[in-house]
Amino acid sequence: MLVSAPQTSISALKKAVQGALGPDAVVDVLRPEVAKAPKGKPRNYRDLYIDSARYCKGLSWTVLAAIGQVESGHGQHLGPSSAGALGPMQFLPSTWAAYGVDGDGDGQADIMSPYDAVPSAAAYLCRFGANRGPDGLYDAIFAYNHADWYVQKVLGLAAQYR
């Protein structure tokens, strides 16, 4: 698993990874001078949100961007949250087990990989009606996080991204 978390301390990242994968998980730290996106993958979160919206016809990339901002500051804080959510889109492991997708085609759905987490969020939102008009979008975001304030915040941020 590859995790990019430039604003996270190594000890916090190690604890999060071992919390997700077990205490025997090995964490190696690589610090390249200039981080480059893997070949064929989006180079930044904006492009990743745009590409991932294809998992749900009619879903705006701005909704994914808003969720990414609220959940992790676009991958800056990977968790675990107080509820146990992990990764750039802050999925609970039980939700991930049901809805995680292999967005980058490497053969595994990785909760900590933005290349899997963002498309998984799009697929999850679609499953809960994000492509069925404004009411469906509201319901889908509410399914993502069961709080009206959360839905309003995501919709407000999404409008700002347009």
N, C-alpha and C. Protein backbone atom coordinates (compact mmCIF):
# COMPACT_ATOMS: atom_id res chain seq x y z
N MET A 1 0.85 -1.16 0.00
CA MET A 1 0.00 0.00 0.00
C MET A 1 0.90 1.23 0.00
N LEU A 2 0.54 2.22 -0.80
CA LEU A 2 1.27 3.48 -0.86
C LEU A 2 0.39 4.57 -0.28
N VAL A 3 0.92 5.30 0.69
CA VAL A 3 0.18 6.37 1.35
C VAL A 3 0.96 7.66 1.18
N SER A 4 0.27 8.70 0.72
CA SER A 4 0.88 10.02 0.61
C SER A 4 0.20 10.91 1.64
N ALA A 5 0.95 11.36 2.62
CA ALA A 5 0.39 12.20 3.68
C ALA A 5 1.44 13.20 4.14
N PRO A 6 1.72 14.21 3.30
CA PRO A 6 2.82 15.11 3.60
C PRO A 6 2.67 15.93 4.87
N GLN A 7 1.46 16.14 5.35
CA GLN A 7 1.25 16.96 6.54
C GLN A 7 1.06 16.12 7.80
N THR A 8 1.24 14.80 7.71
CA THR A 8 1.02 13.90 8.83
C THR A 8 2.37 13.46 9.40
N SER A 9 2.46 13.40 10.72
CA SER A 9 3.70 12.92 11.32
C SER A 9 3.87 11.43 11.02
N ILE A 10 5.10 10.99 10.95
CA ILE A 10 5.38 9.59 10.65
C ILE A 10 4.78 8.69 11.72
N SER A 11 4.88 9.08 12.99
CA SER A 11 4.33 8.23 14.06
C SER A 11 2.81 8.13 13.96
N ALA A 12 2.13 9.23 13.62
CA ALA A 12 0.67 9.19 13.48
C ALA A 12 0.27 8.35 12.28
N LEU A 13 1.02 8.47 11.19
CA LEU A 13 0.73 7.68 10.00
C LEU A 13 0.95 6.19 10.28
N LYS A 14 2.05 5.87 10.95
CA LYS A 14 2.34 4.47 11.28
C LYS A 14 1.22 3.90 12.15
N LYS A 15 0.78 4.67 13.13
CA LYS A 15 -0.30 4.22 14.01
C LYS A 15 -1.59 3.98 13.22
N ALA A 16 -1.91 4.88 12.29
CA ALA A 16 -3.13 4.74 11.48
C ALA A 16 -3.06 3.51 10.59
N VAL A 17 -1.91 3.31 9.95
CA VAL A 17 -1.75 2.15 9.07
C VAL A 17 -1.83 0.86 9.87
N GLN A 18 -1.13 0.81 11.00
CA GLN A 18 -1.17 -0.40 11.81
C GLN A 18 -2.55 -0.61 12.43
N GLY A 19 -3.27 0.47 12.71
CA GLY A 19 -4.64 0.34 13.20
C GLY A 19 -5.55 -0.26 12.15
N ALA A 20 -5.29 0.06 10.89
CA ALA A 20 -6.12 -0.45 9.80
C ALA A 20 -5.71 -1.86 9.37
N LEU A 21 -4.40 -2.13 9.37
CA LEU A 21 -3.91 -3.39 8.84
C LEU A 21 -3.43 -4.38 9.89
N GLY A 22 -3.34 -3.93 11.13
CA GLY A 22 -2.88 -4.81 12.19
C GLY A 22 -1.53 -4.39 12.71
N PRO A 23 -1.20 -4.79 13.93
CA PRO A 23 0.04 -4.34 14.58
C PRO A 23 1.31 -4.87 13.91
N ASP A 24 1.19 -5.90 13.08
CA ASP A 24 2.37 -6.46 12.42
C ASP A 24 2.68 -5.78 11.09
N ALA A 25 1.85 -4.82 10.69
CA ALA A 25 2.09 -4.12 9.42
C ALA A 25 3.41 -3.37 9.47
N VAL A 26 4.16 -3.43 8.40
CA VAL A 26 5.45 -2.76 8.30
C VAL A 26 5.27 -1.44 7.56
N VAL A 27 5.82 -0.38 8.11
CA VAL A 27 5.71 0.94 7.50
C VAL A 27 7.11 1.41 7.11
N ASP A 28 7.32 1.58 5.81
CA ASP A 28 8.57 2.15 5.30
C ASP A 28 8.29 3.58 4.88
N VAL A 29 9.23 4.46 5.11
CA VAL A 29 9.06 5.87 4.78
C VAL A 29 9.97 6.22 3.61
N LEU A 30 9.37 6.72 2.55
CA LEU A 30 10.11 7.19 1.39
C LEU A 30 9.87 8.69 1.27
N ARG A 31 10.91 9.44 1.12
CA ARG A 31 10.79 10.90 1.03
C ARG A 31 11.44 11.40 -0.26
N PRO A 32 10.73 11.31 -1.38
CA PRO A 32 11.31 11.83 -2.61
C PRO A 32 11.37 13.35 -2.58
N GLU A 33 12.35 13.92 -3.28
CA GLU A 33 12.45 15.38 -3.33
C GLU A 33 11.24 15.99 -4.01
N VAL A 34 10.83 15.39 -5.10
CA VAL A 34 9.66 15.88 -5.83
C VAL A 34 8.75 14.69 -6.06
N ALA A 35 7.56 14.74 -5.48
CA ALA A 35 6.62 13.64 -5.66
C ALA A 35 5.94 13.78 -7.02
N LYS A 36 5.94 12.71 -7.79
CA LYS A 36 5.28 12.71 -9.09
C LYS A 36 4.17 11.68 -9.06
N ALA A 37 3.06 12.00 -9.70
CA ALA A 37 1.96 11.05 -9.78
C ALA A 37 2.39 9.88 -10.66
N PRO A 38 1.91 8.68 -10.33
CA PRO A 38 2.24 7.54 -11.17
C PRO A 38 1.77 7.78 -12.61
N LYS A 39 2.51 7.21 -13.56
CA LYS A 39 2.18 7.37 -14.97
C LYS A 39 0.74 6.90 -15.23
N GLY A 40 0.00 7.70 -15.97
CA GLY A 40 -1.36 7.34 -16.33
C GLY A 40 -2.40 7.68 -15.27
N LYS A 41 -1.97 8.24 -14.16
CA LYS A 41 -2.90 8.61 -13.10
C LYS A 41 -2.96 10.13 -13.00
N PRO A 42 -4.07 10.64 -12.49
CA PRO A 42 -4.17 12.10 -12.32
C PRO A 42 -3.03 12.63 -11.47
N ARG A 43 -2.55 13.80 -11.82
CA ARG A 43 -1.40 14.39 -11.13
C ARG A 43 -1.80 15.14 -9.87
N ASN A 44 -3.08 15.42 -9.70
CA ASN A 44 -3.51 16.18 -8.53
C ASN A 44 -4.94 15.78 -8.17
N TYR A 45 -5.37 16.22 -7.00
CA TYR A 45 -6.70 15.85 -6.54
C TYR A 45 -7.80 16.37 -7.46
N ARG A 46 -7.66 17.58 -7.99
CA ARG A 46 -8.70 18.13 -8.87
C ARG A 46 -8.93 17.20 -10.05
N ASP A 47 -7.86 16.79 -10.70
CA ASP A 47 -7.99 15.88 -11.84
C ASP A 47 -8.57 14.53 -11.41
N LEU A 48 -8.20 14.07 -10.23
CA LEU A 48 -8.73 12.81 -9.72
C LEU A 48 -10.23 12.91 -9.47
N TYR A 49 -10.69 14.02 -8.91
CA TYR A 49 -12.13 14.22 -8.71
C TYR A 49 -12.86 14.24 -10.05
N ILE A 50 -12.30 14.93 -11.02
CA ILE A 50 -12.93 15.00 -12.35
C ILE A 50 -12.99 13.61 -12.97
N ASP A 51 -11.88 12.88 -12.95
CA ASP A 51 -11.86 11.52 -13.52
C ASP A 51 -12.82 10.58 -12.79
N SER A 52 -12.91 10.72 -11.48
CA SER A 52 -13.72 9.80 -10.68
C SER A 52 -15.21 10.04 -10.84
N ALA A 53 -15.60 11.23 -11.23
CA ALA A 53 -17.03 11.50 -11.42
C ALA A 53 -17.63 10.58 -12.48
N ARG A 54 -16.81 9.99 -13.33
CA ARG A 54 -17.32 9.07 -14.36
C ARG A 54 -17.95 7.81 -13.76
N TYR A 55 -17.67 7.53 -12.50
CA TYR A 55 -18.29 6.38 -11.84
C TYR A 55 -19.77 6.61 -11.56
N CYS A 56 -20.23 7.83 -11.74
CA CYS A 56 -21.64 8.15 -11.48
C CYS A 56 -22.08 9.22 -12.47
N LYS A 57 -22.66 8.79 -13.58
CA LYS A 57 -23.11 9.73 -14.60
C LYS A 57 -24.07 10.74 -13.98
N GLY A 58 -23.74 12.01 -14.15
CA GLY A 58 -24.56 13.08 -13.60
C GLY A 58 -24.04 13.66 -12.29
N LEU A 59 -23.06 13.01 -11.68
CA LEU A 59 -22.46 13.52 -10.45
C LEU A 59 -21.37 14.52 -10.81
N SER A 60 -21.43 15.70 -10.24
CA SER A 60 -20.41 16.71 -10.50
C SER A 60 -19.15 16.41 -9.70
N TRP A 61 -18.02 16.63 -10.33
CA TRP A 61 -16.74 16.44 -9.64
C TRP A 61 -16.64 17.36 -8.43
N THR A 62 -17.38 18.47 -8.45
CA THR A 62 -17.31 19.42 -7.35
C THR A 62 -17.84 18.83 -6.04
N VAL A 63 -18.78 17.89 -6.14
CA VAL A 63 -19.29 17.23 -4.94
C VAL A 63 -18.19 16.35 -4.34
N LEU A 64 -17.48 15.62 -5.18
CA LEU A 64 -16.36 14.81 -4.69
C LEU A 64 -15.29 15.69 -4.07
N ALA A 65 -15.00 16.81 -4.71
CA ALA A 65 -14.00 17.73 -4.17
C ALA A 65 -14.43 18.28 -2.82
N ALA A 66 -15.70 18.61 -2.69
CA ALA A 66 -16.20 19.14 -1.41
C ALA A 66 -16.10 18.09 -0.31
N ILE A 67 -16.46 16.85 -0.62
CA ILE A 67 -16.35 15.78 0.37
C ILE A 67 -14.88 15.56 0.72
N GLY A 68 -14.01 15.56 -0.27
CA GLY A 68 -12.58 15.40 -0.02
C GLY A 68 -12.02 16.51 0.86
N GLN A 69 -12.52 17.72 0.67
CA GLN A 69 -12.07 18.84 1.50
C GLN A 69 -12.54 18.67 2.93
N VAL A 70 -13.82 18.35 3.11
CA VAL A 70 -14.38 18.21 4.45
C VAL A 70 -13.74 17.03 5.18
N GLU A 71 -13.60 15.91 4.50
CA GLU A 71 -13.15 14.68 5.15
C GLU A 71 -11.66 14.66 5.50
N SER A 72 -10.82 15.17 4.61
CA SER A 72 -9.38 15.03 4.86
C SER A 72 -8.53 16.20 4.39
N GLY A 73 -9.17 17.30 4.01
CA GLY A 73 -8.37 18.40 3.47
C GLY A 73 -7.64 17.95 2.21
N HIS A 74 -8.33 17.18 1.36
CA HIS A 74 -7.76 16.64 0.12
C HIS A 74 -6.52 15.78 0.41
N GLY A 75 -6.70 14.85 1.33
CA GLY A 75 -5.65 13.88 1.61
C GLY A 75 -4.61 14.30 2.62
N GLN A 76 -4.81 15.42 3.28
CA GLN A 76 -3.82 15.90 4.26
C GLN A 76 -3.96 15.19 5.61
N HIS A 77 -5.15 14.71 5.93
CA HIS A 77 -5.42 14.05 7.22
C HIS A 77 -6.12 12.73 6.91
N LEU A 78 -5.43 11.62 7.07
CA LEU A 78 -5.95 10.33 6.63
C LEU A 78 -6.61 9.51 7.73
N GLY A 79 -6.67 10.03 8.95
CA GLY A 79 -7.36 9.31 10.01
C GLY A 79 -6.41 8.40 10.75
N PRO A 80 -6.92 7.55 11.59
CA PRO A 80 -8.35 7.30 11.72
C PRO A 80 -9.06 8.43 12.47
N SER A 81 -10.31 8.61 12.12
CA SER A 81 -11.14 9.60 12.81
C SER A 81 -11.58 9.00 14.15
N SER A 82 -12.28 9.80 14.93
CA SER A 82 -12.80 9.29 16.21
C SER A 82 -13.78 8.15 16.00
N ALA A 83 -14.38 8.09 14.81
CA ALA A 83 -15.32 7.01 14.49
C ALA A 83 -14.61 5.81 13.86
N GLY A 84 -13.31 5.95 13.57
CA GLY A 84 -12.56 4.86 12.96
C GLY A 84 -12.45 4.94 11.45
N ALA A 85 -12.90 6.04 10.86
CA ALA A 85 -12.82 6.20 9.40
C ALA A 85 -11.38 6.45 8.98
N LEU A 86 -11.05 5.98 7.78
CA LEU A 86 -9.68 6.04 7.27
C LEU A 86 -9.61 6.57 5.85
N GLY A 87 -8.45 7.07 5.50
CA GLY A 87 -8.15 7.42 4.12
C GLY A 87 -8.61 8.81 3.72
N PRO A 88 -8.30 9.17 2.48
CA PRO A 88 -8.60 10.52 2.02
C PRO A 88 -10.09 10.85 1.93
N MET A 89 -10.93 9.84 1.80
CA MET A 89 -12.37 10.09 1.76
C MET A 89 -13.06 9.59 3.03
N GLN A 90 -12.26 9.18 4.02
CA GLN A 90 -12.72 8.81 5.36
C GLN A 90 -13.86 7.78 5.36
N PHE A 91 -13.56 6.61 4.83
CA PHE A 91 -14.51 5.50 4.86
C PHE A 91 -14.33 4.70 6.15
N LEU A 92 -15.43 4.26 6.72
CA LEU A 92 -15.35 3.26 7.78
C LEU A 92 -14.93 1.95 7.13
N PRO A 93 -14.10 1.16 7.78
CA PRO A 93 -13.68 -0.11 7.17
C PRO A 93 -14.85 -1.00 6.76
N SER A 94 -15.93 -1.02 7.53
CA SER A 94 -17.08 -1.84 7.17
C SER A 94 -17.76 -1.33 5.91
N THR A 95 -17.83 -0.02 5.74
CA THR A 95 -18.40 0.56 4.52
C THR A 95 -17.48 0.27 3.35
N TRP A 96 -16.19 0.41 3.57
CA TRP A 96 -15.21 0.14 2.52
C TRP A 96 -15.32 -1.31 2.04
N ALA A 97 -15.49 -2.24 2.97
CA ALA A 97 -15.60 -3.65 2.60
C ALA A 97 -16.76 -3.89 1.64
N ALA A 98 -17.82 -3.10 1.79
CA ALA A 98 -18.99 -3.26 0.94
C ALA A 98 -18.92 -2.44 -0.35
N TYR A 99 -18.26 -1.29 -0.33
CA TYR A 99 -18.34 -0.35 -1.45
C TYR A 99 -17.00 0.05 -2.06
N GLY A 100 -15.89 -0.37 -1.50
CA GLY A 100 -14.59 0.02 -2.04
C GLY A 100 -14.37 -0.55 -3.44
N VAL A 101 -13.82 0.27 -4.33
CA VAL A 101 -13.53 -0.18 -5.69
C VAL A 101 -12.03 -0.01 -5.99
N ASP A 102 -11.56 -0.78 -6.95
CA ASP A 102 -10.19 -0.67 -7.42
C ASP A 102 -10.17 0.37 -8.53
N GLY A 103 -9.96 1.61 -8.16
CA GLY A 103 -10.02 2.71 -9.12
C GLY A 103 -8.82 2.82 -10.03
N ASP A 104 -7.68 2.28 -9.62
CA ASP A 104 -6.47 2.44 -10.43
C ASP A 104 -6.06 1.15 -11.14
N GLY A 105 -6.86 0.11 -11.00
CA GLY A 105 -6.61 -1.12 -11.74
C GLY A 105 -5.40 -1.92 -11.29
N ASP A 106 -4.98 -1.75 -10.04
CA ASP A 106 -3.82 -2.49 -9.56
C ASP A 106 -4.20 -3.82 -8.91
N GLY A 107 -5.47 -4.16 -8.95
CA GLY A 107 -5.91 -5.44 -8.42
C GLY A 107 -6.41 -5.43 -7.00
N GLN A 108 -6.38 -4.27 -6.35
CA GLN A 108 -6.92 -4.21 -4.99
C GLN A 108 -7.54 -2.84 -4.72
N ALA A 109 -8.58 -2.85 -3.91
CA ALA A 109 -9.23 -1.62 -3.46
C ALA A 109 -8.58 -1.23 -2.13
N ASP A 110 -7.85 -0.13 -2.14
CA ASP A 110 -7.05 0.30 -1.00
C ASP A 110 -7.66 1.55 -0.37
N ILE A 111 -8.17 1.43 0.83
CA ILE A 111 -8.84 2.53 1.53
C ILE A 111 -7.95 3.76 1.68
N MET A 112 -6.64 3.57 1.74
CA MET A 112 -5.71 4.68 1.93
C MET A 112 -5.26 5.33 0.62
N SER A 113 -5.57 4.72 -0.49
CA SER A 113 -5.16 5.26 -1.79
C SER A 113 -6.21 6.22 -2.33
N PRO A 114 -5.82 7.44 -2.65
CA PRO A 114 -6.80 8.35 -3.25
C PRO A 114 -7.30 7.83 -4.59
N TYR A 115 -6.46 7.06 -5.31
CA TYR A 115 -6.85 6.52 -6.61
C TYR A 115 -7.96 5.48 -6.49
N ASP A 116 -8.15 4.92 -5.32
CA ASP A 116 -9.26 4.01 -5.06
C ASP A 116 -10.36 4.69 -4.25
N ALA A 117 -9.98 5.50 -3.29
CA ALA A 117 -10.97 6.11 -2.38
C ALA A 117 -11.89 7.10 -3.08
N VAL A 118 -11.36 7.94 -3.95
CA VAL A 118 -12.21 8.93 -4.61
C VAL A 118 -13.21 8.25 -5.56
N PRO A 119 -12.78 7.31 -6.43
CA PRO A 119 -13.77 6.61 -7.24
C PRO A 119 -14.77 5.82 -6.39
N SER A 120 -14.32 5.29 -5.26
CA SER A 120 -15.23 4.57 -4.36
C SER A 120 -16.30 5.51 -3.81
N ALA A 121 -15.90 6.73 -3.48
CA ALA A 121 -16.87 7.71 -2.99
C ALA A 121 -17.89 8.01 -4.08
N ALA A 122 -17.43 8.15 -5.32
CA ALA A 122 -18.36 8.40 -6.43
C ALA A 122 -19.33 7.24 -6.60
N ALA A 123 -18.81 6.01 -6.56
CA ALA A 123 -19.66 4.83 -6.71
C ALA A 123 -20.66 4.73 -5.55
N TYR A 124 -20.20 5.02 -4.35
CA TYR A 124 -21.06 4.99 -3.17
C TYR A 124 -22.18 6.02 -3.30
N LEU A 125 -21.82 7.24 -3.66
CA LEU A 125 -22.83 8.29 -3.82
C LEU A 125 -23.84 7.91 -4.89
N CYS A 126 -23.37 7.31 -5.97
CA CYS A 126 -24.28 6.89 -7.04
C CYS A 126 -25.24 5.81 -6.54
N ARG A 127 -24.71 4.88 -5.78
CA ARG A 127 -25.54 3.79 -5.23
C ARG A 127 -26.68 4.34 -4.39
N PHE A 128 -26.45 5.49 -3.75
CA PHE A 128 -27.46 6.08 -2.90
C PHE A 128 -28.22 7.23 -3.56
N GLY A 129 -28.12 7.34 -4.90
CA GLY A 129 -29.00 8.24 -5.64
C GLY A 129 -28.44 9.58 -6.06
N ALA A 130 -27.14 9.77 -6.03
CA ALA A 130 -26.56 11.07 -6.38
C ALA A 130 -26.89 11.51 -7.80
N ASN A 131 -27.20 10.57 -8.67
CA ASN A 131 -27.50 10.89 -10.06
C ASN A 131 -29.00 11.05 -10.31
N ARG A 132 -29.78 11.19 -9.26
CA ARG A 132 -31.24 11.30 -9.40
C ARG A 132 -31.75 12.68 -9.01
N GLY A 133 -31.09 13.71 -9.45
CA GLY A 133 -31.54 15.07 -9.20
C GLY A 133 -31.14 15.59 -7.83
N PRO A 134 -31.56 16.82 -7.51
CA PRO A 134 -31.16 17.46 -6.25
C PRO A 134 -31.55 16.68 -5.00
N ASP A 135 -32.75 16.11 -4.98
CA ASP A 135 -33.16 15.33 -3.80
C ASP A 135 -32.32 14.06 -3.66
N GLY A 136 -32.04 13.41 -4.78
CA GLY A 136 -31.20 12.22 -4.75
C GLY A 136 -29.79 12.54 -4.29
N LEU A 137 -29.26 13.68 -4.75
CA LEU A 137 -27.92 14.09 -4.33
C LEU A 137 -27.89 14.35 -2.83
N TYR A 138 -28.90 15.05 -2.34
CA TYR A 138 -28.99 15.32 -0.89
C TYR A 138 -29.00 13.99 -0.12
N ASP A 139 -29.85 13.06 -0.55
CA ASP A 139 -29.95 11.77 0.13
C ASP A 139 -28.63 11.00 0.09
N ALA A 140 -27.94 11.07 -1.04
CA ALA A 140 -26.67 10.34 -1.17
C ALA A 140 -25.61 10.92 -0.24
N ILE A 141 -25.53 12.24 -0.18
CA ILE A 141 -24.55 12.86 0.72
C ILE A 141 -24.93 12.57 2.17
N PHE A 142 -26.22 12.55 2.47
CA PHE A 142 -26.67 12.22 3.82
C PHE A 142 -26.30 10.77 4.17
N ALA A 143 -26.37 9.88 3.18
CA ALA A 143 -25.96 8.49 3.41
C ALA A 143 -24.46 8.41 3.71
N TYR A 144 -23.69 9.30 3.10
CA TYR A 144 -22.24 9.34 3.32
C TYR A 144 -21.92 9.75 4.74
N ASN A 145 -22.67 10.72 5.24
CA ASN A 145 -22.51 11.19 6.63
C ASN A 145 -23.88 11.66 7.10
N HIS A 146 -24.43 10.96 8.06
CA HIS A 146 -25.82 11.18 8.50
C HIS A 146 -25.99 12.45 9.32
N ALA A 147 -25.77 13.60 8.70
CA ALA A 147 -25.94 14.88 9.39
C ALA A 147 -26.34 15.94 8.36
N ASP A 148 -27.41 16.65 8.67
CA ASP A 148 -27.87 17.71 7.76
C ASP A 148 -26.81 18.80 7.59
N TRP A 149 -26.11 19.16 8.68
CA TRP A 149 -25.09 20.19 8.57
C TRP A 149 -24.00 19.77 7.59
N TYR A 150 -23.69 18.46 7.58
CA TYR A 150 -22.66 17.94 6.68
C TYR A 150 -23.10 18.10 5.22
N VAL A 151 -24.34 17.72 4.95
CA VAL A 151 -24.86 17.85 3.59
C VAL A 151 -24.80 19.30 3.14
N GLN A 152 -25.24 20.21 4.00
CA GLN A 152 -25.23 21.63 3.65
C GLN A 152 -23.81 22.13 3.40
N LYS A 153 -22.88 21.69 4.22
CA LYS A 153 -21.49 22.11 4.05
C LYS A 153 -20.94 21.61 2.72
N VAL A 154 -21.18 20.34 2.41
CA VAL A 154 -20.70 19.76 1.15
C VAL A 154 -21.32 20.48 -0.04
N LEU A 155 -22.62 20.70 0.00
CA LEU A 155 -23.28 21.39 -1.12
C LEU A 155 -22.77 22.82 -1.27
N GLY A 156 -22.54 23.50 -0.16
CA GLY A 156 -22.01 24.86 -0.21
C GLY A 156 -20.61 24.91 -0.80
N LEU A 157 -19.76 23.99 -0.38
CA LEU A 157 -18.40 23.94 -0.93
C LEU A 157 -18.41 23.55 -2.41
N ALA A 158 -19.28 22.60 -2.76
CA ALA A 158 -19.38 22.19 -4.16
C ALA A 158 -19.76 23.37 -5.04
N ALA A 159 -20.66 24.20 -4.57
CA ALA A 159 -21.07 25.39 -5.33
C ALA A 159 -19.89 26.35 -5.50
N GLN A 160 -19.03 26.44 -4.51
CA GLN A 160 -17.86 27.32 -4.60
C GLN A 160 -16.83 26.80 -5.60
N TYR A 161 -16.76 25.49 -5.78
CA TYR A 161 -15.80 24.91 -6.73
C TYR A 161 -16.21 25.14 -8.18
N ARG A 162 -17.48 25.39 -8.43
CA ARG A 162 -17.93 25.56 -9.83
C ARG A 162 -17.35 26.78 -10.45
